[in-house]
């Protein structure tokens, strides 16, 4: 008698852990920053093409959706940076205890939010 193979992971029983969510977030922020490089290049090219092209690019960037994207990209920069520092600490073979892993993870989240908020408050004032 043959039983069907179990599906792994069983999605009804799976609960994402901080470490897996942060790993996914690190990869996602890296992809976002790579895509942002193309947007930055387009903005610079528009500036080189002349005032009309640059004004059009600036209108896109300064629109409400443009500013929302810039805010999320700022968050991605700080998240990727802070999580990169966390990985450098791990590369020095430190902070591998479960408590330190979770403390470091939440510190990365908090630092990313604080740095993003501080930069936007500074820029907008």
Protein backbone atom coordinates (compact mmCIF):
# COMPACT_ATOMS: atom_id res chain seq x y z
CA UNK A 1 0.00 0.00 0.00
CA UNK A 2 1.41 3.37 -1.01
CA UNK A 3 0.75 6.52 0.94
CA UNK A 4 0.94 9.95 -0.68
CA UNK A 5 4.12 11.83 0.12
CA UNK A 6 3.70 14.67 2.60
CA UNK A 7 3.96 18.20 1.32
CA UNK A 8 6.79 20.09 2.89
CA UNK A 9 6.42 22.53 4.47
CA UNK A 10 2.84 21.94 5.43
CA UNK A 11 1.49 25.45 4.91
CA UNK A 12 -1.34 24.98 7.42
CA UNK A 13 1.21 24.37 10.17
CA UNK A 14 4.00 26.69 9.00
CA UNK A 15 4.55 29.91 10.89
CA UNK A 16 7.15 32.30 9.49
CA UNK A 17 9.98 33.03 11.91
CA UNK A 18 11.77 36.34 12.28
CA UNK A 19 14.93 34.90 10.73
CA UNK A 20 13.18 33.69 7.58
CA UNK A 21 11.19 36.91 7.19
CA UNK A 22 14.37 38.98 7.59
CA UNK A 23 16.21 36.84 5.07
CA UNK A 24 13.42 37.34 2.56
CA UNK A 25 13.37 41.07 3.36
CA UNK A 26 17.12 41.34 2.81
CA UNK A 27 16.84 39.72 -0.61
CA UNK A 28 13.79 41.82 -1.50
CA UNK A 29 15.50 45.05 -0.46
CA UNK A 30 18.54 44.09 -2.54
CA UNK A 31 16.37 43.56 -5.61
CA UNK A 32 14.57 46.87 -4.97
CA UNK A 33 17.90 48.69 -4.73
CA UNK A 34 19.13 47.09 -7.95
CA UNK A 35 15.97 48.22 -9.73
CA UNK A 36 16.33 51.65 -8.14
CA UNK A 37 19.72 51.97 -9.84
CA UNK A 38 17.91 51.99 -13.20
CA UNK A 39 15.55 54.72 -11.97
CA UNK A 40 18.49 56.76 -10.70
CA UNK A 41 20.24 56.36 -14.06
CA UNK A 42 17.07 57.47 -15.88
CA UNK A 43 16.82 60.53 -13.62
CA UNK A 44 20.47 61.42 -14.31
CA UNK A 45 20.01 60.95 -18.06
CA UNK A 46 16.94 63.20 -17.93
CA UNK A 47 19.09 65.82 -16.23
CA UNK A 48 21.71 65.52 -18.96
CA UNK A 49 19.08 65.81 -21.71
CA UNK A 50 18.00 69.28 -20.67
CA UNK A 51 15.53 71.24 -18.58
CA UNK A 52 12.37 69.87 -20.22
CA UNK A 53 13.29 66.22 -19.66
CA UNK A 54 14.52 66.94 -16.14
CA UNK A 55 11.34 68.83 -15.24
CA UNK A 56 9.31 65.83 -16.42
CA UNK A 57 11.45 63.44 -14.34
CA UNK A 58 11.19 65.73 -11.32
CA UNK A 59 7.41 65.85 -11.68
CA UNK A 60 7.32 62.05 -11.47
CA UNK A 61 9.68 61.92 -8.49
CA UNK A 62 7.88 64.67 -6.57
CA UNK A 63 4.38 63.27 -7.12
CA UNK A 64 2.65 61.49 -4.24
CA UNK A 65 3.35 58.00 -5.68
CA UNK A 66 6.92 59.08 -6.47
CA UNK A 67 7.50 60.20 -2.91
CA UNK A 68 5.97 56.98 -1.58
CA UNK A 69 8.40 54.99 -3.72
CA UNK A 70 11.29 57.15 -2.52
CA UNK A 71 10.23 56.57 1.10
CA UNK A 72 10.12 52.79 0.56
CA UNK A 73 13.48 52.88 -1.21
CA UNK A 74 14.95 54.84 1.70
CA UNK A 75 13.63 52.16 4.03
CA UNK A 76 15.15 49.49 1.77
CA UNK A 77 18.54 51.24 1.85
CA UNK A 78 18.63 51.44 5.64
CA UNK A 79 17.23 47.92 6.12
CA UNK A 80 19.79 46.44 3.72
CA UNK A 81 22.58 48.46 5.36
CA UNK A 82 21.65 47.52 8.93
CA UNK A 83 21.08 43.88 8.06
CA UNK A 84 24.43 43.90 6.24
CA UNK A 85 26.11 45.04 9.46
CA UNK A 86 24.33 42.20 11.24
CA UNK A 87 25.75 39.75 8.71
CA UNK A 88 29.23 41.22 9.21
CA UNK A 89 28.88 40.51 12.93
CA UNK A 90 27.89 36.95 12.08
CA UNK A 91 30.91 36.69 9.77
CA UNK A 92 33.08 37.38 12.81
CA UNK A 93 31.48 34.29 14.41
CA UNK A 94 29.56 36.27 17.01
CA UNK A 95 25.92 36.59 18.06
CA UNK A 96 24.82 33.09 17.00
CA UNK A 97 22.91 32.38 20.21
CA UNK A 98 19.16 32.29 19.60
CA UNK A 99 18.52 35.24 21.91
CA UNK A 100 21.20 37.33 20.16
CA UNK A 101 19.80 36.43 16.73
CA UNK A 102 16.34 37.67 17.68
CA UNK A 103 17.67 40.74 19.51
CA UNK A 104 19.78 41.64 16.48
CA UNK A 105 16.86 41.07 14.14
CA UNK A 106 14.56 43.38 16.03
CA UNK A 107 17.40 45.92 16.37
CA UNK A 108 17.75 45.92 12.56
CA UNK A 109 14.02 46.54 12.14
CA UNK A 110 14.02 49.34 14.74
CA UNK A 111 17.18 50.98 13.39
CA UNK A 112 15.83 50.89 9.83
CA UNK A 113 12.60 52.58 10.86
CA UNK A 114 14.35 55.16 13.04
CA UNK A 115 16.96 56.03 10.39
CA UNK A 116 14.35 56.30 7.63
CA UNK A 117 12.07 58.47 9.76
CA UNK A 118 14.96 60.67 10.90
CA UNK A 119 16.19 61.23 7.34
CA UNK A 120 12.72 62.11 6.04
CA UNK A 121 12.04 64.44 8.98
CA UNK A 122 15.38 66.14 8.37
CA UNK A 123 14.76 66.51 4.63
CA UNK A 124 11.19 67.77 5.01
CA UNK A 125 12.01 70.40 7.63
